[in-house]
C-alpha atoms as a PDB file:
ATOM      1  CA  MET A   1     -86.661 102.793 144.432  1.00  0.00           C
ATOM      2  CA  ALA A   2     -88.529 103.792 141.286  1.00  0.00           C
ATOM      3  CA  SER A   3     -87.637 100.504 139.567  1.00  0.00           C
ATOM      4  CA  LYS A   4     -89.215  98.489 142.416  1.00  0.00           C
ATOM      5  CA  GLU A   5     -92.487 100.394 142.069  1.00  0.00           C
ATOM      6  CA  GLY A   6     -92.465  99.787 138.311  1.00  0.00           C
ATOM      7  CA  ALA A   7     -91.883  96.080 138.918  1.00  0.00           C
ATOM      8  CA  LYS A   8     -94.843  95.958 141.307  1.00  0.00           C
ATOM      9  CA  LYS A   9     -97.125  97.558 138.721  1.00  0.00           C
ATOM     10  CA  ALA A  10     -95.981  95.146 136.017  1.00  0.00           C
ATOM     11  CA  THR A  11     -96.817  92.088 138.157  1.00  0.00           C
ATOM     12  CA  LYS A  12    -100.200  93.427 139.232  1.00  0.00           C
ATOM     13  CA  GLN A  13    -103.010  90.897 138.809  1.00  0.00           C
ATOM     14  CA  PRO A  14    -105.714  91.773 136.260  1.00  0.00           C
ATOM     15  CA  SER A  15    -108.989  92.946 137.780  1.00  0.00           C
ATOM     16  CA  LYS A  16    -112.113  90.838 137.759  1.00  0.00           C
ATOM     17  CA  CYS A  17    -115.351  92.122 136.272  1.00  0.00           C
ATOM     18  CA  TYR A  18    -118.053  92.573 138.909  1.00  0.00           C
ATOM     19  CA  HIS A  19    -120.795  91.535 136.475  1.00  0.00           C
ATOM     20  CA  CYS A  20    -119.433  88.467 134.673  1.00  0.00           C
ATOM     21  CA  GLY A  21    -116.520  87.502 136.936  1.00  0.00           C
ATOM     22  CA  GLY A  22    -114.070  87.379 134.007  1.00  0.00           C
ATOM     23  CA  PHE A  23    -110.641  89.000 134.018  1.00  0.00           C
ATOM     24  CA  ILE A  24    -110.273  92.458 132.472  1.00  0.00           C
ATOM     25  CA  LEU A  25    -107.158  92.124 130.331  1.00  0.00           C
ATOM     26  CA  ASN A  26    -107.435  95.233 128.159  1.00  0.00           C
ATOM     27  CA  ASP A  27    -107.105  98.719 129.680  1.00  0.00           C
ATOM     28  CA  ALA A  28    -109.467 100.124 127.039  1.00  0.00           C
ATOM     29  CA  ASP A  29    -112.136  97.724 128.316  1.00  0.00           C
ATOM     30  CA  PHE A  30    -111.612  98.700 131.993  1.00  0.00           C
ATOM     31  CA  VAL A  31    -114.331 100.779 133.718  1.00  0.00           C
ATOM     32  CA  ILE A  32    -114.781 101.683 137.381  1.00  0.00           C
ATOM     33  CA  ARG A  33    -118.276 102.529 138.568  1.00  0.00           C
ATOM     34  CA  LYS A  34    -119.867 103.083 141.952  1.00  0.00           C
ATOM     35  CA  VAL A  35    -122.461 100.415 142.713  1.00  0.00           C
ATOM     36  CA  PRO A  36    -125.035 100.729 145.512  1.00  0.00           C
ATOM     37  CA  LEU A  37    -124.824  97.809 147.945  1.00  0.00           C
ATOM     38  CA  HIS A  38    -127.250  97.022 150.738  1.00  0.00           C
ATOM     39  CA  THR A  39    -125.541  96.912 154.116  1.00  0.00           C
ATOM     40  CA  LYS A  40    -126.772  96.716 157.688  1.00  0.00           C
ATOM     41  CA  SER A  41    -126.429 100.488 157.964  1.00  0.00           C
ATOM     42  CA  GLY A  42    -128.328 101.162 154.720  1.00  0.00           C
ATOM     43  CA  ILE A  43    -127.322 101.535 151.093  1.00  0.00           C
ATOM     44  CA  ARG A  44    -123.678 102.481 150.415  1.00  0.00           C
ATOM     45  CA  ASN A  45    -121.852 103.038 147.141  1.00  0.00           C
ATOM     46  CA  TYR A  46    -118.733 100.972 146.476  1.00  0.00           C
ATOM     47  CA  LYS A  47    -116.352 101.153 143.525  1.00  0.00           C
ATOM     48  CA  ARG A  48    -116.522  98.079 141.300  1.00  0.00           C
ATOM     49  CA  THR A  49    -114.625  97.208 138.119  1.00  0.00           C
ATOM     50  CA  PHE A  50    -116.412  96.210 134.905  1.00  0.00           C
ATOM     51  CA  HIS A  51    -115.759  95.344 131.291  1.00  0.00           C
ATOM     52  CA  LEU A  52    -117.144  98.182 129.171  1.00  0.00           C
ATOM     53  CA  ASN A  53    -119.901  95.970 127.716  1.00  0.00           C
ATOM     54  CA  CYS A  54    -120.689  94.388 131.081  1.00  0.00           C
ATOM     55  CA  MET A  55    -121.209  97.795 132.685  1.00  0.00           C
ATOM     56  CA  SER A  56    -123.889  98.724 130.156  1.00  0.00           C
ATOM     57  CA  ASN A  57    -125.515  95.283 130.514  1.00  0.00           C
ATOM     58  CA  TYR A  58    -125.467  95.554 134.311  1.00  0.00           C
ATOM     59  CA  SER A  59    -126.941  99.065 134.209  1.00  0.00           C
ATOM     60  CA  GLY A  60    -129.684  97.916 131.852  1.00  0.00           C
ATOM     61  CA  ILE A  61    -130.591  94.906 133.986  1.00  0.00           C
ATOM     62  CA  MET A  62    -130.648  96.852 137.227  1.00  0.00           C
ATOM     63  CA  GLU A  63    -132.942  99.505 135.751  1.00  0.00           C
ATOM     64  CA  THR A  64    -135.450  97.094 134.193  1.00  0.00           C
ATOM     65  CA  GLU A  65    -138.318  96.784 136.627  1.00  0.00           C
ATOM     66  CA  LYS A  66    -139.790  93.727 134.887  1.00  0.00           C
ATOM     67  CA  GLU A  67    -136.515  91.766 135.178  1.00  0.00           C
ATOM     68  CA  THR A  68    -136.130  92.782 138.809  1.00  0.00           C
ATOM     69  CA  LYS A  69    -139.642  91.581 139.673  1.00  0.00           C
ATOM     70  CA  LEU A  70    -139.095  88.313 137.818  1.00  0.00           C
ATOM     71  CA  GLU A  71    -135.834  87.634 139.655  1.00  0.00           C
ATOM     72  CA  GLN A  72    -137.485  88.558 142.969  1.00  0.00           C
ATOM     73  CA  SER A  73    -140.305  86.086 142.338  1.00  0.00           C
ATOM     74  CA  TRP A  74    -137.771  83.298 141.626  1.00  0.00           C
ATOM     75  CA  TRP A  75    -135.920  84.249 144.835  1.00  0.00           C
ATOM     76  CA  ASP A  76    -139.157  84.032 146.827  1.00  0.00           C
ATOM     77  CA  LYS A  77    -139.837  80.546 145.431  1.00  0.00           C
ATOM     78  CA  CYS A  78    -136.282  79.439 146.320  1.00  0.00           C
ATOM     79  CA  TYR A  79    -136.587  80.867 149.821  1.00  0.00           C
ATOM     80  CA  PHE A  80    -139.879  79.120 150.619  1.00  0.00           C
ATOM     81  CA  TYR A  81    -138.822  75.828 149.054  1.00  0.00           C
ATOM     82  CA  PHE A  82    -135.578  75.831 151.049  1.00  0.00           C
ATOM     83  CA  LYS A  83    -137.618  76.467 154.213  1.00  0.00           C
ATOM     84  CA  GLU A  84    -139.725  73.452 153.296  1.00  0.00           C
ATOM     85  CA  LEU A  85    -136.632  71.285 152.749  1.00  0.00           C
ATOM     86  CA  LEU A  86    -135.264  72.222 156.174  1.00  0.00           C
ATOM     87  CA  ASP A  87    -138.673  71.584 157.840  1.00  0.00           C
ATOM     88  CA  ILE A  88    -138.989  75.121 159.175  1.00  0.00           C
ATOM     89  CA  PRO A  89    -142.538  75.848 160.420  1.00  0.00           C
ATOM     90  CA  GLU A  90    -144.852  78.160 158.460  1.00  0.00           C
ATOM     91  CA  GLY A  91    -144.632  81.278 160.656  1.00  0.00           C
ATOM     92  CA  LYS A  92    -140.838  81.276 161.044  1.00  0.00           C
ATOM     93  CA  ASN A  93    -138.151  82.695 158.755  1.00  0.00           C
ATOM     94  CA  LEU A  94    -134.855  81.260 157.598  1.00  0.00           C
ATOM     95  CA  ASP A  95    -131.983  82.452 159.742  1.00  0.00           C
ATOM     96  CA  GLU A  96    -129.437  84.863 158.262  1.00  0.00           C
ATOM     97  CA  TYR A  97    -126.829  82.144 157.767  1.00  0.00           C
ATOM     98  CA  ALA A  98    -129.190  79.995 155.672  1.00  0.00           C
ATOM     99  CA  VAL A  99    -130.190  82.990 153.550  1.00  0.00           C
ATOM    100  CA  LYS A 100    -126.561  83.931 152.906  1.00  0.00           C
ATOM    101  CA  ARG A 101    -125.691  80.344 151.943  1.00  0.00           C
ATOM    102  CA  LEU A 102    -128.612  80.284 149.520  1.00  0.00           C
ATOM    103  CA  LEU A 103    -127.579  83.653 148.061  1.00  0.00           C
ATOM    104  CA  GLY A 104    -124.031  82.331 147.788  1.00  0.00           C
ATOM    105  CA  LEU A 105    -125.262  79.761 145.249  1.00  0.00           C
ATOM    106  CA  ARG A 106    -126.510  82.670 143.133  1.00  0.00           C
ATOM    107  CA  VAL A 107    -123.009  84.143 142.725  1.00  0.00           C
ATOM    108  CA  GLY A 108    -121.140  80.836 142.836  1.00  0.00           C
ATOM    109  CA  LYS A 109    -119.513  81.359 146.219  1.00  0.00           C
ATOM    110  CA  PHE A 110    -119.860  80.051 149.761  1.00  0.00           C
ATOM    111  CA  MET A 111    -121.496  83.323 150.794  1.00  0.00           C
ATOM    112  CA  PRO A 112    -121.806  86.610 148.912  1.00  0.00           C
ATOM    113  CA  ALA A 113    -119.240  89.048 150.274  1.00  0.00           C
ATOM    114  CA  ALA A 114    -119.892  92.716 149.512  1.00  0.00           C
ATOM    115  CA  ASN A 115    -121.860  91.796 146.391  1.00  0.00           C
ATOM    116  CA  ASN A 116    -125.347  92.355 145.159  1.00  0.00           C
ATOM    117  CA  VAL A 117    -126.548  89.004 143.964  1.00  0.00           C
ATOM    118  CA  ARG A 118    -129.241  90.281 141.652  1.00  0.00           C
ATOM    119  CA  GLY A 119    -128.485  91.233 138.069  1.00  0.00           C
ATOM    120  CA  LEU A 120    -125.111  89.495 137.929  1.00  0.00           C
ATOM    121  CA  LYS A 121    -124.264  87.186 135.054  1.00  0.00           C
ATOM    122  CA  ARG A 122    -122.022  84.868 137.060  1.00  0.00           C
ATOM    123  CA  GLY A 123    -123.123  81.955 139.174  1.00  0.00           C
ATOM    124  CA  TYR A 124    -126.567  80.401 138.772  1.00  0.00           C
ATOM    125  CA  ASP A 125    -129.903  82.145 138.424  1.00  0.00           C
ATOM    126  CA  PHE A 126    -132.628  81.531 140.999  1.00  0.00           C
ATOM    127  CA  GLU A 127    -134.715  79.487 138.537  1.00  0.00           C
ATOM    128  CA  THR A 128    -131.854  77.002 138.128  1.00  0.00           C
ATOM    129  CA  ILE A 129    -131.303  76.896 141.894  1.00  0.00           C
ATOM    130  CA  LEU A 130    -134.998  76.161 142.460  1.00  0.00           C
ATOM    131  CA  MET A 131    -135.008  73.400 139.845  1.00  0.00           C
ATOM    132  CA  THR A 132    -131.907  71.919 141.492  1.00  0.00           C
ATOM    133  CA  MET A 133    -133.544  72.028 144.920  1.00  0.00           C
ATOM    134  CA  LYS A 134    -136.549  70.167 143.515  1.00  0.00           C
ATOM    135  CA  PHE A 135    -134.255  67.661 141.789  1.00  0.00           C
ATOM    136  CA  SER A 136    -132.309  67.114 145.038  1.00  0.00           C
ATOM    137  CA  SER A 137    -135.306  67.203 147.370  1.00  0.00           C
ATOM    138  CA  VAL A 138    -135.491  63.432 147.934  1.00  0.00           C
ATOM    139  CA  ALA A 139    -131.807  63.266 148.908  1.00  0.00           C
ATOM    140  CA  VAL A 140    -132.052  66.363 151.129  1.00  0.00           C
ATOM    141  CA  LYS A 141    -135.201  65.144 152.915  1.00  0.00           C
ATOM    142  CA  HIS A 142    -133.647  61.706 153.415  1.00  0.00           C
ATOM    143  CA  ALA A 143    -130.527  63.325 154.894  1.00  0.00           C
ATOM    144  CA  MET A 144    -132.581  65.572 157.170  1.00  0.00           C
ATOM    145  CA  ASN A 145    -134.577  62.580 158.482  1.00  0.00           C
ATOM    146  CA  THR A 146    -131.678  60.164 158.973  1.00  0.00           C
ATOM    147  CA  THR A 147    -128.889  62.423 160.206  1.00  0.00           C
ATOM    148  CA  SER A 148    -128.872  64.256 163.524  1.00  0.00           C
ATOM    149  CA  PHE A 149    -127.321  67.698 163.535  1.00  0.00           C
ATOM    150  CA  LYS A 150    -126.049  69.403 166.663  1.00  0.00           C
ATOM    151  CA  LYS A 151    -126.058  72.852 165.066  1.00  0.00           C
ATOM    152  CA  LYS A 152    -128.367  74.511 162.557  1.00  0.00           C
ATOM    153  CA  LYS A 153    -125.390  75.652 160.480  1.00  0.00           C
ATOM    154  CA  LYS A 154    -124.314  72.057 159.897  1.00  0.00           C
ATOM    155  CA  LYS A 155    -127.833  71.173 158.763  1.00  0.00           C
ATOM    156  CA  VAL A 156    -127.889  74.099 156.323  1.00  0.00           C
ATOM    157  CA  ASN A 157    -124.391  73.307 155.021  1.00  0.00           C
ATOM    158  CA  TYR A 158    -125.321  69.657 154.462  1.00  0.00           C
ATOM    159  CA  ALA A 159    -128.435  70.606 152.486  1.00  0.00           C
ATOM    160  CA  ILE A 160    -126.519  73.188 150.419  1.00  0.00           C
ATOM    161  CA  LYS A 161    -123.768  70.643 149.727  1.00  0.00           C
ATOM    162  CA  ILE A 162    -126.292  68.175 148.306  1.00  0.00           C
ATOM    163  CA  ILE A 163    -127.905  70.911 146.190  1.00  0.00           C
ATOM    164  CA  ALA A 164    -124.545  72.271 144.984  1.00  0.00           C
ATOM    165  CA  SER A 165    -123.426  68.805 143.877  1.00  0.00           C
ATOM    166  CA  ASN A 166    -126.309  68.721 141.388  1.00  0.00           C
ATOM    167  CA  LEU A 167    -126.176  72.355 140.212  1.00  0.00           C
ATOM    168  CA  ASN A 168    -124.021  71.817 137.106  1.00  0.00           C
ATOM    169  CA  PHE A 169    -126.138  68.889 135.903  1.00  0.00           C
ATOM    170  CA  VAL A 170    -129.438  70.750 136.319  1.00  0.00           C
ATOM    171  CA  SER A 171    -127.931  73.953 134.907  1.00  0.00           C
ATOM    172  CA  GLN A 172    -127.026  72.136 131.681  1.00  0.00           C
ATOM    173  CA  LYS A 173    -130.566  70.771 131.399  1.00  0.00           C
ATOM    174  CA  VAL A 174    -132.146  74.183 132.046  1.00  0.00           C
ATOM    175  CA  GLU A 175    -129.852  75.873 129.482  1.00  0.00           C
ATOM    176  CA  GLY A 176    -130.695  73.170 126.933  1.00  0.00           C
ATOM    177  CA  LYS A 177    -134.402  73.748 127.564  1.00  0.00           C
ATOM    178  CA  ARG A 178    -133.964  77.520 127.136  1.00  0.00           C
ATOM    179  CA  LYS A 179    -132.080  77.070 123.853  1.00  0.00           C
ATOM    180  CA  LYS A 180    -134.801  74.776 122.486  1.00  0.00           C
ATOM    181  CA  LYS A 181    -137.479  77.231 123.538  1.00  0.00           C
ATOM    182  CA  LYS A 182    -135.590  80.095 121.897  1.00  0.00           C
ATOM    183  CA  LYS A 183    -135.293  78.150 118.611  1.00  0.00           C
ATOM    184  CA  LEU A 184    -139.058  77.576 118.587  1.00  0.00           C
END
Protein backbone atom coordinates (compact mmCIF):
# COMPACT_ATOMS: atom_id res chain seq x y z
CA MET A 1 0.00 0.00 0.00
CA ALA A 2 2.81 2.40 0.86
CA SER A 3 4.53 1.78 -2.48
CA LYS A 4 1.37 2.81 -4.39
CA GLU A 5 1.21 6.12 -2.52
CA GLY A 6 4.89 6.75 -3.28
CA ALA A 7 4.26 6.02 -6.95
CA LYS A 8 1.38 8.52 -7.00
CA LYS A 9 3.59 11.24 -5.51
CA ALA A 10 6.36 10.55 -8.02
CA THR A 11 3.99 10.96 -11.00
CA LYS A 12 2.39 14.12 -9.64
CA GLN A 13 2.22 16.93 -12.20
CA PRO A 14 4.29 20.05 -11.44
CA SER A 15 2.26 23.02 -10.22
CA LYS A 16 1.66 26.08 -12.35
CA CYS A 17 2.60 29.54 -11.14
CA TYR A 18 -0.45 31.74 -10.60
CA HIS A 19 1.43 34.86 -11.75
CA CYS A 20 3.32 33.79 -14.88
CA GLY A 21 1.57 30.52 -15.74
CA GLY A 22 4.87 28.62 -15.96
CA PHE A 23 5.52 25.26 -14.32
CA ILE A 24 7.24 25.21 -10.93
CA LEU A 25 9.88 22.51 -11.33
CA ASN A 26 12.09 23.20 -8.31
CA ASP A 27 10.78 22.66 -4.76
CA ALA A 28 13.02 25.46 -3.48
CA ASP A 29 11.20 27.83 -5.84
CA PHE A 30 7.71 26.69 -4.72
CA VAL A 31 5.62 29.09 -2.59
CA ILE A 32 1.97 28.90 -1.54
CA ARG A 33 0.22 32.15 -0.67
CA LYS A 34 -3.36 33.13 0.01
CA VAL A 35 -4.67 35.52 -2.64
CA PRO A 36 -7.86 37.57 -2.23
CA LEU A 37 -10.33 36.90 -5.05
CA HIS A 38 -13.53 38.79 -5.74
CA THR A 39 -16.56 36.51 -5.71
CA LYS A 40 -20.30 37.10 -5.77
CA SER A 41 -20.36 36.76 -1.99
CA GLY A 42 -17.48 39.20 -1.45
CA ILE A 43 -13.72 38.85 -1.22
CA ARG A 44 -12.38 35.39 -0.28
CA ASN A 45 -8.82 34.18 0.16
CA TYR A 46 -7.70 31.20 -1.92
CA LYS A 47 -4.37 29.37 -1.84
CA ARG A 48 -2.33 29.89 -5.00
CA THR A 49 1.10 28.57 -5.98
CA PHE A 50 3.91 30.87 -7.12
CA HIS A 51 7.55 30.85 -8.12
CA LEU A 52 9.50 32.62 -5.38
CA ASN A 53 10.37 35.56 -7.66
CA CYS A 54 6.86 35.73 -9.11
CA MET A 55 5.32 36.00 -5.65
CA SER A 56 7.37 39.10 -4.83
CA ASN A 57 6.60 40.59 -8.27
CA TYR A 58 2.89 39.88 -7.84
CA SER A 59 2.86 41.40 -4.35
CA GLY A 60 4.66 44.50 -5.61
CA ILE A 61 2.29 44.98 -8.53
CA MET A 62 -0.84 44.49 -6.46
CA GLU A 63 0.31 47.04 -3.88
CA THR A 64 1.31 49.75 -6.37
CA GLU A 65 -1.59 52.15 -6.60
CA LYS A 66 -0.26 53.86 -9.73
CA GLU A 67 -0.04 50.56 -11.66
CA THR A 68 -3.51 49.56 -10.50
CA LYS A 69 -5.02 52.86 -11.68
CA LEU A 70 -3.22 52.60 -15.02
CA GLU A 71 -4.48 49.06 -15.61
CA GLN A 72 -8.00 50.12 -14.56
CA SER A 73 -7.97 52.97 -17.07
CA TRP A 74 -6.93 50.57 -19.87
CA TRP A 75 -9.72 48.20 -18.78
CA ASP A 76 -12.26 51.03 -18.94
CA LYS A 77 -11.14 51.90 -22.48
CA CYS A 78 -11.43 48.24 -23.53
CA TYR A 79 -14.87 47.94 -21.97
CA PHE A 80 -16.30 51.02 -23.70
CA TYR A 81 -14.70 50.21 -27.05
CA PHE A 82 -16.10 46.67 -26.95
CA LYS A 83 -19.54 48.14 -26.20
CA GLU A 84 -19.12 50.33 -29.26
CA LEU A 85 -18.13 47.36 -31.43
CA LEU A 86 -21.22 45.42 -30.35
CA ASP A 87 -23.48 48.48 -30.94
CA ILE A 88 -24.71 48.60 -27.36
CA PRO A 89 -26.53 51.89 -26.60
CA GLU A 90 -24.92 54.54 -24.38
CA GLY A 91 -26.93 53.97 -21.18
CA LYS A 92 -26.64 50.17 -21.14
CA ASN A 93 -23.87 47.94 -19.80
CA LEU A 94 -22.21 44.88 -21.26
CA ASP A 95 -23.77 41.69 -19.97
CA GLU A 96 -21.78 39.48 -17.60
CA TYR A 97 -20.93 36.96 -20.33
CA ALA A 98 -19.37 39.63 -22.57
CA VAL A 99 -17.34 41.02 -19.67
CA LYS A 100 -16.04 37.57 -18.73
CA ARG A 101 -15.07 36.84 -22.35
CA LEU A 102 -13.20 40.14 -22.52
CA LEU A 103 -11.46 39.41 -19.21
CA GLY A 104 -10.62 35.95 -20.52
CA LEU A 105 -8.44 37.58 -23.19
CA ARG A 106 -6.46 39.21 -20.38
CA VAL A 107 -5.39 35.85 -18.90
CA GLY A 108 -5.30 33.95 -22.19
CA LYS A 109 -8.32 31.77 -21.53
CA PHE A 110 -11.92 31.47 -22.70
CA MET A 111 -13.10 32.94 -19.40
CA PRO A 112 -11.17 33.62 -16.19
CA ALA A 113 -11.97 30.88 -13.68
CA ALA A 114 -11.20 31.71 -10.05
CA ASN A 115 -8.51 34.18 -11.10
CA ASN A 116 -7.88 37.83 -10.61
CA VAL A 117 -7.05 39.18 -14.01
CA ARG A 118 -5.19 42.25 -12.85
CA GLY A 119 -1.50 42.15 -12.03
CA LEU A 120 -0.84 38.83 -13.75
CA LYS A 121 2.05 38.47 -16.17
CA ARG A 122 0.38 35.88 -18.40
CA GLY A 123 -2.00 36.56 -21.23
CA TYR A 124 -2.27 40.00 -22.82
CA ASP A 125 -2.44 43.37 -21.11
CA PHE A 126 -5.48 45.59 -21.63
CA GLU A 127 -3.50 48.05 -23.78
CA THR A 128 -2.69 45.28 -26.27
CA ILE A 129 -6.30 44.08 -26.22
CA LEU A 130 -7.53 47.61 -26.95
CA MET A 131 -5.07 48.04 -29.82
CA THR A 132 -6.20 44.68 -31.21
CA MET A 133 -9.85 45.69 -30.98
CA LYS A 134 -9.07 48.88 -32.91
CA PHE A 135 -7.06 46.89 -35.47
CA SER A 136 -9.94 44.40 -35.88
CA SER A 137 -12.76 46.94 -35.71
CA VAL A 138 -13.49 46.98 -39.46
CA ALA A 139 -13.81 43.18 -39.57
CA VAL A 140 -15.92 43.07 -36.39
CA LYS A 141 -18.27 45.84 -37.55
CA HIS A 142 -18.62 44.18 -40.96
CA ALA A 143 -19.47 40.87 -39.26
CA MET A 144 -21.98 42.53 -36.94
CA ASN A 145 -23.73 44.22 -39.89
CA THR A 146 -23.80 41.25 -42.27
CA THR A 147 -24.44 38.32 -39.95
CA SER A 148 -27.63 37.75 -37.98
CA PHE A 149 -27.24 36.26 -34.54
CA LYS A 150 -30.03 34.48 -32.70
CA LYS A 151 -28.33 34.81 -29.32
CA LYS A 152 -26.21 37.55 -27.77
CA LYS A 153 -23.60 34.99 -26.70
CA LYS A 154 -22.97 33.99 -30.31
CA LYS A 155 -22.51 37.64 -31.26
CA VAL A 156 -20.00 38.16 -28.43
CA ASN A 157 -18.14 34.93 -29.25
CA TYR A 158 -17.89 35.90 -32.93
CA ALA A 159 -16.46 39.32 -32.07
CA ILE A 160 -13.99 37.83 -29.56
CA LYS A 161 -12.92 35.21 -32.12
CA ILE A 162 -12.06 37.92 -34.65
CA ILE A 163 -10.16 39.91 -32.01
CA ALA A 164 -8.33 36.83 -30.68
CA SER A 165 -7.18 35.87 -34.18
CA ASN A 166 -5.24 39.15 -34.38
CA LEU A 167 -3.92 39.27 -30.80
CA ASN A 168 -0.51 37.68 -31.45
CA PHE A 169 0.20 39.94 -34.43
CA VAL A 170 -0.72 43.14 -32.57
CA SER A 171 1.05 41.94 -29.42
CA GLN A 172 4.32 41.59 -31.36
CA LYS A 173 3.92 45.11 -32.75
CA VAL A 174 3.14 46.59 -29.33
CA GLU A 175 6.13 44.80 -27.72
CA GLY A 176 8.38 46.05 -30.53
CA LYS A 177 7.14 49.59 -29.95
CA ARG A 178 7.78 49.28 -26.19
CA LYS A 179 11.32 48.00 -26.76
CA LYS A 180 12.10 50.89 -29.12
CA LYS A 181 10.69 53.37 -26.64
CA LYS A 182 12.74 51.83 -23.84
CA LYS A 183 15.95 52.09 -25.91
CA LEU A 184 15.30 55.79 -26.50
